[in-house]
Amino acid sequence: MGAFFILCFLAIAAAIWATVAAILIAIYLEKKGTETPFFLFKFYMFRNQRLYREFTLKESGKVGPLYYQFVIPVNAALILGLAALAIRLL
């Protein structure tokens, strides 16, 4: 198994991790009274992430753990995907 497939697998795993975190953030915000339309969920992911950060900062003075559970895998998926693409093209 080559480096390309390993990087693709890791990128997909990071994207799934970010999706689960985005769903948990949406559930948290729904409990707080902020609705997220089901069909527009992917367009509201980054808005929800910003709102989650603001709500948790107001409540506890610190950013909630789901914020980093979303931000880090999104960036990791991007970097790993670009690395896989670079390996594939070279």
PDB file of N, CA and C in Angstrom:
ATOM      1  N   MET A   1       0.849  -1.170   0.000  1.00  0.00           N
ATOM      2  CA  MET A   1       0.000   0.000   0.000  1.00  0.00           C
ATOM      3  C   MET A   1       0.899   1.238   0.000  1.00  0.00           C
ATOM      4  N   GLY A   2       0.633   2.109  -0.928  1.00  0.00           N
ATOM      5  CA  GLY A   2       1.493   3.263  -1.097  1.00  0.00           C
ATOM      6  C   GLY A   2       1.111   4.442  -0.221  1.00  0.00           C
ATOM      7  N   ALA A   3       1.963   5.436  -0.279  1.00  0.00           N
ATOM      8  CA  ALA A   3       1.756   6.650   0.512  1.00  0.00           C
ATOM      9  C   ALA A   3       0.480   7.376   0.085  1.00  0.00           C
ATOM     10  N   PHE A   4       0.150   7.303  -1.194  1.00  0.00           N
ATOM     11  CA  PHE A   4      -1.062   7.956  -1.692  1.00  0.00           C
ATOM     12  C   PHE A   4      -2.301   7.413  -1.001  1.00  0.00           C
ATOM     13  N   PHE A   5      -2.412   6.112  -0.899  1.00  0.00           N
ATOM     14  CA  PHE A   5      -3.593   5.507  -0.289  1.00  0.00           C
ATOM     15  C   PHE A   5      -3.651   5.771   1.215  1.00  0.00           C
ATOM     16  N   ILE A   6      -2.506   5.784   1.859  1.00  0.00           N
ATOM     17  CA  ILE A   6      -2.468   6.089   3.292  1.00  0.00           C
ATOM     18  C   ILE A   6      -2.927   7.519   3.545  1.00  0.00           C
ATOM     19  N   LEU A   7      -2.428   8.455   2.738  1.00  0.00           N
ATOM     20  CA  LEU A   7      -2.825   9.853   2.898  1.00  0.00           C
ATOM     21  C   LEU A   7      -4.306  10.050   2.587  1.00  0.00           C
ATOM     22  N   CYS A   8      -4.805   9.361   1.574  1.00  0.00           N
ATOM     23  CA  CYS A   8      -6.239   9.446   1.251  1.00  0.00           C
ATOM     24  C   CYS A   8      -7.081   8.894   2.395  1.00  0.00           C
ATOM     25  N   PHE A   9      -6.678   7.770   2.956  1.00  0.00           N
ATOM     26  CA  PHE A   9      -7.403   7.186   4.069  1.00  0.00           C
ATOM     27  C   PHE A   9      -7.419   8.130   5.270  1.00  0.00           C
ATOM     28  N   LEU A  10      -6.276   8.729   5.576  1.00  0.00           N
ATOM     29  CA  LEU A  10      -6.204   9.656   6.704  1.00  0.00           C
ATOM     30  C   LEU A  10      -7.037  10.916   6.451  1.00  0.00           C
ATOM     31  N   ALA A  11      -7.044  11.389   5.216  1.00  0.00           N
ATOM     32  CA  ALA A  11      -7.856  12.562   4.877  1.00  0.00           C
ATOM     33  C   ALA A  11      -9.343  12.262   5.024  1.00  0.00           C
ATOM     34  N   ILE A  12      -9.767  11.090   4.590  1.00  0.00           N
ATOM     35  CA  ILE A  12     -11.173  10.699   4.724  1.00  0.00           C
ATOM     36  C   ILE A  12     -11.536  10.519   6.194  1.00  0.00           C
ATOM     37  N   ALA A  13     -10.651   9.928   6.971  1.00  0.00           N
ATOM     38  CA  ALA A  13     -10.907   9.750   8.402  1.00  0.00           C
ATOM     39  C   ALA A  13     -11.035  11.104   9.102  1.00  0.00           C
ATOM     40  N   ALA A  14     -10.184  12.054   8.736  1.00  0.00           N
ATOM     41  CA  ALA A  14     -10.261  13.390   9.326  1.00  0.00           C
ATOM     42  C   ALA A  14     -11.552  14.096   8.915  1.00  0.00           C
ATOM     43  N   ALA A  15     -11.981  13.913   7.690  1.00  0.00           N
ATOM     44  CA  ALA A  15     -13.236  14.523   7.234  1.00  0.00           C
ATOM     45  C   ALA A  15     -14.439  13.933   7.983  1.00  0.00           C
ATOM     46  N   ILE A  16     -14.416  12.637   8.230  1.00  0.00           N
ATOM     47  CA  ILE A  16     -15.497  12.010   8.997  1.00  0.00           C
ATOM     48  C   ILE A  16     -15.498  12.521  10.434  1.00  0.00           C
ATOM     49  N   TRP A  17     -14.320  12.654  11.013  1.00  0.00           N
ATOM     50  CA  TRP A  17     -14.182  13.188  12.371  1.00  0.00           C
ATOM     51  C   TRP A  17     -14.764  14.598  12.449  1.00  0.00           C
ATOM     52  N   ALA A  18     -14.451  15.439  11.470  1.00  0.00           N
ATOM     53  CA  ALA A  18     -14.967  16.811  11.445  1.00  0.00           C
ATOM     54  C   ALA A  18     -16.485  16.827  11.257  1.00  0.00           C
ATOM     55  N   THR A  19     -17.002  15.918  10.456  1.00  0.00           N
ATOM     56  CA  THR A  19     -18.450  15.853  10.233  1.00  0.00           C
ATOM     57  C   THR A  19     -19.183  15.473  11.513  1.00  0.00           C
ATOM     58  N   VAL A  20     -18.654  14.512  12.242  1.00  0.00           N
ATOM     59  CA  VAL A  20     -19.266  14.120  13.512  1.00  0.00           C
ATOM     60  C   VAL A  20     -19.233  15.286  14.494  1.00  0.00           C
ATOM     61  N   ALA A  21     -18.121  15.998  14.559  1.00  0.00           N
ATOM     62  CA  ALA A  21     -18.025  17.162  15.443  1.00  0.00           C
ATOM     63  C   ALA A  21     -19.011  18.244  15.023  1.00  0.00           C
ATOM     64  N   ALA A  22     -19.192  18.454  13.712  1.00  0.00           N
ATOM     65  CA  ALA A  22     -20.147  19.448  13.226  1.00  0.00           C
ATOM     66  C   ALA A  22     -21.573  19.077  13.607  1.00  0.00           C
ATOM     67  N   ILE A  23     -21.892  17.802  13.558  1.00  0.00           N
ATOM     68  CA  ILE A  23     -23.223  17.351  13.962  1.00  0.00           C
ATOM     69  C   ILE A  23     -23.432  17.584  15.459  1.00  0.00           C
ATOM     70  N   LEU A  24     -22.417  17.283  16.260  1.00  0.00           N
ATOM     71  CA  LEU A  24     -22.526  17.508  17.697  1.00  0.00           C
ATOM     72  C   LEU A  24     -22.649  18.995  18.029  1.00  0.00           C
ATOM     73  N   ILE A  25     -21.956  19.842  17.274  1.00  0.00           N
ATOM     74  CA  ILE A  25     -22.084  21.291  17.461  1.00  0.00           C
ATOM     75  C   ILE A  25     -23.495  21.743  17.108  1.00  0.00           C
ATOM     76  N   ALA A  26     -24.054  21.217  16.039  1.00  0.00           N
ATOM     77  CA  ALA A  26     -25.420  21.573  15.645  1.00  0.00           C
ATOM     78  C   ALA A  26     -26.425  21.137  16.708  1.00  0.00           C
ATOM     79  N   ILE A  27     -26.211  19.980  17.300  1.00  0.00           N
ATOM     80  CA  ILE A  27     -27.093  19.512  18.378  1.00  0.00           C
ATOM     81  C   ILE A  27     -26.995  20.445  19.584  1.00  0.00           C
ATOM     82  N   TYR A  28     -25.787  20.840  19.930  1.00  0.00           N
ATOM     83  CA  TYR A  28     -25.584  21.776  21.041  1.00  0.00           C
ATOM     84  C   TYR A  28     -26.298  23.099  20.770  1.00  0.00           C
ATOM     85  N   LEU A  29     -26.133  23.628  19.563  1.00  0.00           N
ATOM     86  CA  LEU A  29     -26.759  24.909  19.230  1.00  0.00           C
ATOM     87  C   LEU A  29     -28.276  24.800  19.180  1.00  0.00           C
ATOM     88  N   GLU A  30     -28.781  23.641  18.772  1.00  0.00           N
ATOM     89  CA  GLU A  30     -30.227  23.465  18.745  1.00  0.00           C
ATOM     90  C   GLU A  30     -30.800  23.477  20.155  1.00  0.00           C
ATOM     91  N   LYS A  31     -30.058  22.936  21.106  1.00  0.00           N
ATOM     92  CA  LYS A  31     -30.491  23.001  22.500  1.00  0.00           C
ATOM     93  C   LYS A  31     -30.495  24.436  23.014  1.00  0.00           C
ATOM     94  N   LYS A  32     -29.632  25.271  22.445  1.00  0.00           N
ATOM     95  CA  LYS A  32     -29.560  26.680  22.828  1.00  0.00           C
ATOM     96  C   LYS A  32     -30.548  27.545  22.058  1.00  0.00           C
ATOM     97  N   GLY A  33     -31.249  26.969  21.080  1.00  0.00           N
ATOM     98  CA  GLY A  33     -32.277  27.704  20.361  1.00  0.00           C
ATOM     99  C   GLY A  33     -31.897  28.176  18.970  1.00  0.00           C
ATOM    100  N   THR A  34     -30.754  27.772  18.460  1.00  0.00           N
ATOM    101  CA  THR A  34     -30.329  28.147  17.115  1.00  0.00           C
ATOM    102  C   THR A  34     -30.593  26.986  16.163  1.00  0.00           C
ATOM    103  N   GLU A  35     -31.469  27.195  15.217  1.00  0.00           N
ATOM    104  CA  GLU A  35     -31.850  26.140  14.274  1.00  0.00           C
ATOM    105  C   GLU A  35     -30.834  26.045  13.121  1.00  0.00           C
ATOM    106  N   THR A  36     -30.629  24.833  12.641  1.00  0.00           N
ATOM    107  CA  THR A  36     -29.820  24.573  11.458  1.00  0.00           C
ATOM    108  C   THR A  36     -30.664  23.750  10.491  1.00  0.00           C
ATOM    109  N   PRO A  37     -31.012  24.312   9.336  1.00  0.00           N
ATOM    110  CA  PRO A  37     -31.814  23.548   8.372  1.00  0.00           C
ATOM    111  C   PRO A  37     -31.064  22.298   7.907  1.00  0.00           C
ATOM    112  N   PHE A  38     -31.769  21.185   7.846  1.00  0.00           N
ATOM    113  CA  PHE A  38     -31.137  19.907   7.493  1.00  0.00           C
ATOM    114  C   PHE A  38     -30.538  19.949   6.090  1.00  0.00           C
ATOM    115  N   PHE A  39     -31.260  20.489   5.132  1.00  0.00           N
ATOM    116  CA  PHE A  39     -30.793  20.472   3.748  1.00  0.00           C
ATOM    117  C   PHE A  39     -29.663  21.457   3.498  1.00  0.00           C
ATOM    118  N   LEU A  40     -29.480  22.415   4.378  1.00  0.00           N
ATOM    119  CA  LEU A  40     -28.412  23.398   4.227  1.00  0.00           C
ATOM    120  C   LEU A  40     -27.306  23.200   5.250  1.00  0.00           C
ATOM    121  N   PHE A  41     -27.220  22.005   5.814  1.00  0.00           N
ATOM    122  CA  PHE A  41     -26.289  21.750   6.906  1.00  0.00           C
ATOM    123  C   PHE A  41     -24.850  22.045   6.519  1.00  0.00           C
ATOM    124  N   LYS A  42     -24.441  21.621   5.331  1.00  0.00           N
ATOM    125  CA  LYS A  42     -23.041  21.817   4.959  1.00  0.00           C
ATOM    126  C   LYS A  42     -22.696  23.287   4.754  1.00  0.00           C
ATOM    127  N   PHE A  43     -23.689  24.111   4.451  1.00  0.00           N
ATOM    128  CA  PHE A  43     -23.436  25.542   4.301  1.00  0.00           C
ATOM    129  C   PHE A  43     -23.382  26.246   5.652  1.00  0.00           C
ATOM    130  N   TYR A  44     -24.001  25.647   6.669  1.00  0.00           N
ATOM    131  CA  TYR A  44     -24.065  26.241   7.995  1.00  0.00           C
ATOM    132  C   TYR A  44     -22.978  25.720   8.937  1.00  0.00           C
ATOM    133  N   MET A  45     -22.139  24.802   8.499  1.00  0.00           N
ATOM    134  CA  MET A  45     -21.144  24.204   9.385  1.00  0.00           C
ATOM    135  C   MET A  45     -20.202  25.246   9.975  1.00  0.00           C
ATOM    136  N   PHE A  46     -19.699  26.147   9.161  1.00  0.00           N
ATOM    137  CA  PHE A  46     -18.736  27.128   9.651  1.00  0.00           C
ATOM    138  C   PHE A  46     -19.427  28.225  10.459  1.00  0.00           C
ATOM    139  N   ARG A  47     -20.666  28.536  10.138  1.00  0.00           N
ATOM    140  CA  ARG A  47     -21.434  29.481  10.950  1.00  0.00           C
ATOM    141  C   ARG A  47     -21.684  28.877  12.327  1.00  0.00           C
ATOM    142  N   ASN A  48     -22.055  27.601  12.349  1.00  0.00           N
ATOM    143  CA  ASN A  48     -22.295  26.928  13.617  1.00  0.00           C
ATOM    144  C   ASN A  48     -21.037  26.862  14.464  1.00  0.00           C
ATOM    145  N   GLN A  49     -19.913  26.646  13.834  1.00  0.00           N
ATOM    146  CA  GLN A  49     -18.646  26.598  14.552  1.00  0.00           C
ATOM    147  C   GLN A  49     -18.366  27.943  15.211  1.00  0.00           C
ATOM    148  N   ARG A  50     -18.628  29.025  14.518  1.00  0.00           N
ATOM    149  CA  ARG A  50     -18.422  30.365  15.077  1.00  0.00           C
ATOM    150  C   ARG A  50     -19.387  30.622  16.232  1.00  0.00           C
ATOM    151  N   LEU A  51     -20.661  30.252  16.050  1.00  0.00           N
ATOM    152  CA  LEU A  51     -21.651  30.448  17.105  1.00  0.00           C
ATOM    153  C   LEU A  51     -21.333  29.596  18.337  1.00  0.00           C
ATOM    154  N   TYR A  52     -20.880  28.372  18.125  1.00  0.00           N
ATOM    155  CA  TYR A  52     -20.499  27.494  19.233  1.00  0.00           C
ATOM    156  C   TYR A  52     -19.373  28.128  20.033  1.00  0.00           C
ATOM    157  N   ARG A  53     -18.399  28.670  19.338  1.00  0.00           N
ATOM    158  CA  ARG A  53     -17.273  29.323  20.012  1.00  0.00           C
ATOM    159  C   ARG A  53     -17.765  30.492  20.853  1.00  0.00           C
ATOM    160  N   GLU A  54     -18.659  31.315  20.295  1.00  0.00           N
ATOM    161  CA  GLU A  54     -19.185  32.466  21.025  1.00  0.00           C
ATOM    162  C   GLU A  54     -20.000  32.029  22.247  1.00  0.00           C
ATOM    163  N   PHE A  55     -20.883  31.041  22.093  1.00  0.00           N
ATOM    164  CA  PHE A  55     -21.706  30.564  23.211  1.00  0.00           C
ATOM    165  C   PHE A  55     -20.847  30.017  24.339  1.00  0.00           C
ATOM    166  N   THR A  56     -19.862  29.200  23.998  1.00  0.00           N
ATOM    167  CA  THR A  56     -19.060  28.579  25.054  1.00  0.00           C
ATOM    168  C   THR A  56     -18.153  29.605  25.732  1.00  0.00           C
ATOM    169  N   LEU A  57     -17.683  30.593  24.990  1.00  0.00           N
ATOM    170  CA  LEU A  57     -16.882  31.650  25.611  1.00  0.00           C
ATOM    171  C   LEU A  57     -17.712  32.451  26.605  1.00  0.00           C
ATOM    172  N   LYS A  58     -18.976  32.721  26.260  1.00  0.00           N
ATOM    173  CA  LYS A  58     -19.844  33.463  27.169  1.00  0.00           C
ATOM    174  C   LYS A  58     -20.183  32.640  28.408  1.00  0.00           C
ATOM    175  N   GLU A  59     -20.389  31.343  28.230  1.00  0.00           N
ATOM    176  CA  GLU A  59     -20.792  30.496  29.354  1.00  0.00           C
ATOM    177  C   GLU A  59     -19.665  30.217  30.334  1.00  0.00           C
ATOM    178  N   SER A  60     -18.532  29.771  29.821  1.00  0.00           N
ATOM    179  CA  SER A  60     -17.476  29.301  30.718  1.00  0.00           C
ATOM    180  C   SER A  60     -16.198  30.130  30.659  1.00  0.00           C
ATOM    181  N   GLY A  61     -16.096  31.041  29.714  1.00  0.00           N
ATOM    182  CA  GLY A  61     -14.869  31.817  29.582  1.00  0.00           C
ATOM    183  C   GLY A  61     -13.796  31.119  28.761  1.00  0.00           C
ATOM    184  N   LYS A  62     -14.072  29.883  28.346  1.00  0.00           N
ATOM    185  CA  LYS A  62     -13.144  29.117  27.512  1.00  0.00           C
ATOM    186  C   LYS A  62     -13.894  28.588  26.305  1.00  0.00           C
ATOM    187  N   VAL A  63     -13.137  28.303  25.267  1.00  0.00           N
ATOM    188  CA  VAL A  63     -13.735  27.707  24.070  1.00  0.00           C
ATOM    189  C   VAL A  63     -14.043  26.245  24.351  1.00  0.00           C
ATOM    190  N   GLY A  64     -15.219  25.778  23.917  1.00  0.00           N
ATOM    191  CA  GLY A  64     -15.627  24.397  24.146  1.00  0.00           C
ATOM    192  C   GLY A  64     -14.775  23.406  23.375  1.00  0.00           C
ATOM    193  N   PRO A  65     -14.756  22.159  23.812  1.00  0.00           N
ATOM    194  CA  PRO A  65     -13.892  21.150  23.188  1.00  0.00           C
ATOM    195  C   PRO A  65     -14.305  20.791  21.757  1.00  0.00           C
ATOM    196  N   LEU A  66     -15.566  20.915  21.439  1.00  0.00           N
ATOM    197  CA  LEU A  66     -15.999  20.558  20.083  1.00  0.00           C
ATOM    198  C   LEU A  66     -15.450  21.519  19.034  1.00  0.00           C
ATOM    199  N   TYR A  67     -15.114  22.718  19.445  1.00  0.00           N
ATOM    200  CA  TYR A  67     -14.539  23.691  18.511  1.00  0.00           C
ATOM    201  C   TYR A  67     -13.251  23.133  17.905  1.00  0.00           C
ATOM    202  N   TYR A  68     -12.372  22.646  18.766  1.00  0.00           N
ATOM    203  CA  TYR A  68     -11.106  22.094  18.280  1.00  0.00           C
ATOM    204  C   TYR A  68     -11.294  20.736  17.622  1.00  0.00           C
ATOM    205  N   GLN A  69     -12.345  19.999  18.034  1.00  0.00           N
ATOM    206  CA  GLN A  69     -12.643  18.726  17.404  1.00  0.00           C
ATOM    207  C   GLN A  69     -13.144  18.925  15.978  1.00  0.00           C
ATOM    208  N   PHE A  70     -13.526  20.159  15.637  1.00  0.00           N
ATOM    209  CA  PHE A  70     -13.948  20.466  14.277  1.00  0.00           C
ATOM    210  C   PHE A  70     -12.820  21.128  13.484  1.00  0.00           C
ATOM    211  N   VAL A  71     -12.162  22.091  14.063  1.00  0.00           N
ATOM    212  CA  VAL A  71     -11.164  22.887  13.346  1.00  0.00           C
ATOM    213  C   VAL A  71      -9.939  22.063  12.963  1.00  0.00           C
ATOM    214  N   ILE A  72      -9.420  21.294  13.887  1.00  0.00           N
ATOM    215  CA  ILE A  72      -8.195  20.531  13.619  1.00  0.00           C
ATOM    216  C   ILE A  72      -8.401  19.480  12.523  1.00  0.00           C
ATOM    217  N   PRO A  73      -9.469  18.656  12.548  1.00  0.00           N
ATOM    218  CA  PRO A  73      -9.633  17.676  11.473  1.00  0.00           C
ATOM    219  C   PRO A  73      -9.927  18.294  10.106  1.00  0.00           C
ATOM    220  N   VAL A  74     -10.617  19.442  10.083  1.00  0.00           N
ATOM    221  CA  VAL A  74     -10.863  20.093   8.794  1.00  0.00           C
ATOM    222  C   VAL A  74      -9.530  20.509   8.169  1.00  0.00           C
ATOM    223  N   ASN A  75      -8.675  21.118   8.962  1.00  0.00           N
ATOM    224  CA  ASN A  75      -7.362  21.518   8.447  1.00  0.00           C
ATOM    225  C   ASN A  75      -6.494  20.308   8.102  1.00  0.00           C
ATOM    226  N   ALA A  76      -6.566  19.270   8.924  1.00  0.00           N
ATOM    227  CA  ALA A  76      -5.795  18.053   8.646  1.00  0.00           C
ATOM    228  C   ALA A  76      -6.265  17.394   7.350  1.00  0.00           C
ATOM    229  N   ALA A  77      -7.580  17.347   7.139  1.00  0.00           N
ATOM    230  CA  ALA A  77      -8.106  16.750   5.903  1.00  0.00           C
ATOM    231  C   ALA A  77      -7.634  17.542   4.690  1.00  0.00           C
ATOM    232  N   LEU A  78      -7.628  18.851   4.812  1.00  0.00           N
ATOM    233  CA  LEU A  78      -7.161  19.684   3.698  1.00  0.00           C
ATOM    234  C   LEU A  78      -5.688  19.428   3.397  1.00  0.00           C
ATOM    235  N   ILE A  79      -4.869  19.432   4.420  1.00  0.00           N
ATOM    236  CA  ILE A  79      -3.433  19.233   4.228  1.00  0.00           C
ATOM    237  C   ILE A  79      -3.138  17.828   3.705  1.00  0.00           C
ATOM    238  N   LEU A  80      -3.784  16.822   4.284  1.00  0.00           N
ATOM    239  CA  LEU A  80      -3.551  15.446   3.845  1.00  0.00           C
ATOM    240  C   LEU A  80      -4.050  15.226   2.418  1.00  0.00           C
ATOM    241  N   GLY A  81      -5.177  15.824   2.076  1.00  0.00           N
ATOM    242  CA  GLY A  81      -5.686  15.711   0.711  1.00  0.00           C
ATOM    243  C   GLY A  81      -4.767  16.357  -0.305  1.00  0.00           C
ATOM    244  N   LEU A  82      -4.241  17.524   0.038  1.00  0.00           N
ATOM    245  CA  LEU A  82      -3.300  18.183  -0.864  1.00  0.00           C
ATOM    246  C   LEU A  82      -1.993  17.404  -0.985  1.00  0.00           C
ATOM    247  N   ALA A  83      -1.554  16.809   0.116  1.00  0.00           N
ATOM    248  CA  ALA A  83      -0.339  15.991   0.067  1.00  0.00           C
ATOM    249  C   ALA A  83      -0.557  14.757  -0.802  1.00  0.00           C
ATOM    250  N   ALA A  84      -1.723  14.130  -0.678  1.00  0.00           N
ATOM    251  CA  ALA A  84      -2.029  12.965  -1.519  1.00  0.00           C
ATOM    252  C   ALA A  84      -2.084  13.357  -2.990  1.00  0.00           C
ATOM    253  N   LEU A  85      -2.679  14.507  -3.263  1.00  0.00           N
ATOM    254  CA  LEU A  85      -2.739  14.987  -4.638  1.00  0.00           C
ATOM    255  C   LEU A  85      -1.346  15.274  -5.188  1.00  0.00           C
ATOM    256  N   ALA A  86      -0.498  15.863  -4.366  1.00  0.00           N
ATOM    257  CA  ALA A  86       0.877  16.151  -4.797  1.00  0.00           C
ATOM    258  C   ALA A  86       1.640  14.860  -5.092  1.00  0.00           C
ATOM    259  N   ILE A  87       1.461  13.849  -4.246  1.00  0.00           N
ATOM    260  CA  ILE A  87       2.133  12.572  -4.467  1.00  0.00           C
ATOM    261  C   ILE A  87       1.622  11.918  -5.746  1.00  0.00           C
ATOM    262  N   ARG A  88       0.312  12.026  -5.955  1.00  0.00           N
ATOM    263  CA  ARG A  88      -0.301  11.407  -7.152  1.00  0.00           C
ATOM    264  C   ARG A  88       0.218  12.072  -8.437  1.00  0.00           C
ATOM    265  N   LEU A  89       0.362  13.387  -8.385  1.00  0.00           N
ATOM    266  CA  LEU A  89       0.798  14.107  -9.586  1.00  0.00           C
ATOM    267  C   LEU A  89       2.285  13.991  -9.847  1.00  0.00           C
ATOM    268  N   LEU A  90       3.063  13.671  -8.827  1.00  0.00           N
ATOM    269  CA  LEU A  90       4.509  13.560  -9.017  1.00  0.00           C
ATOM    270  C   LEU A  90       4.847  12.204  -9.434  1.00  0.00           C
TER     271      LEU A  90
END
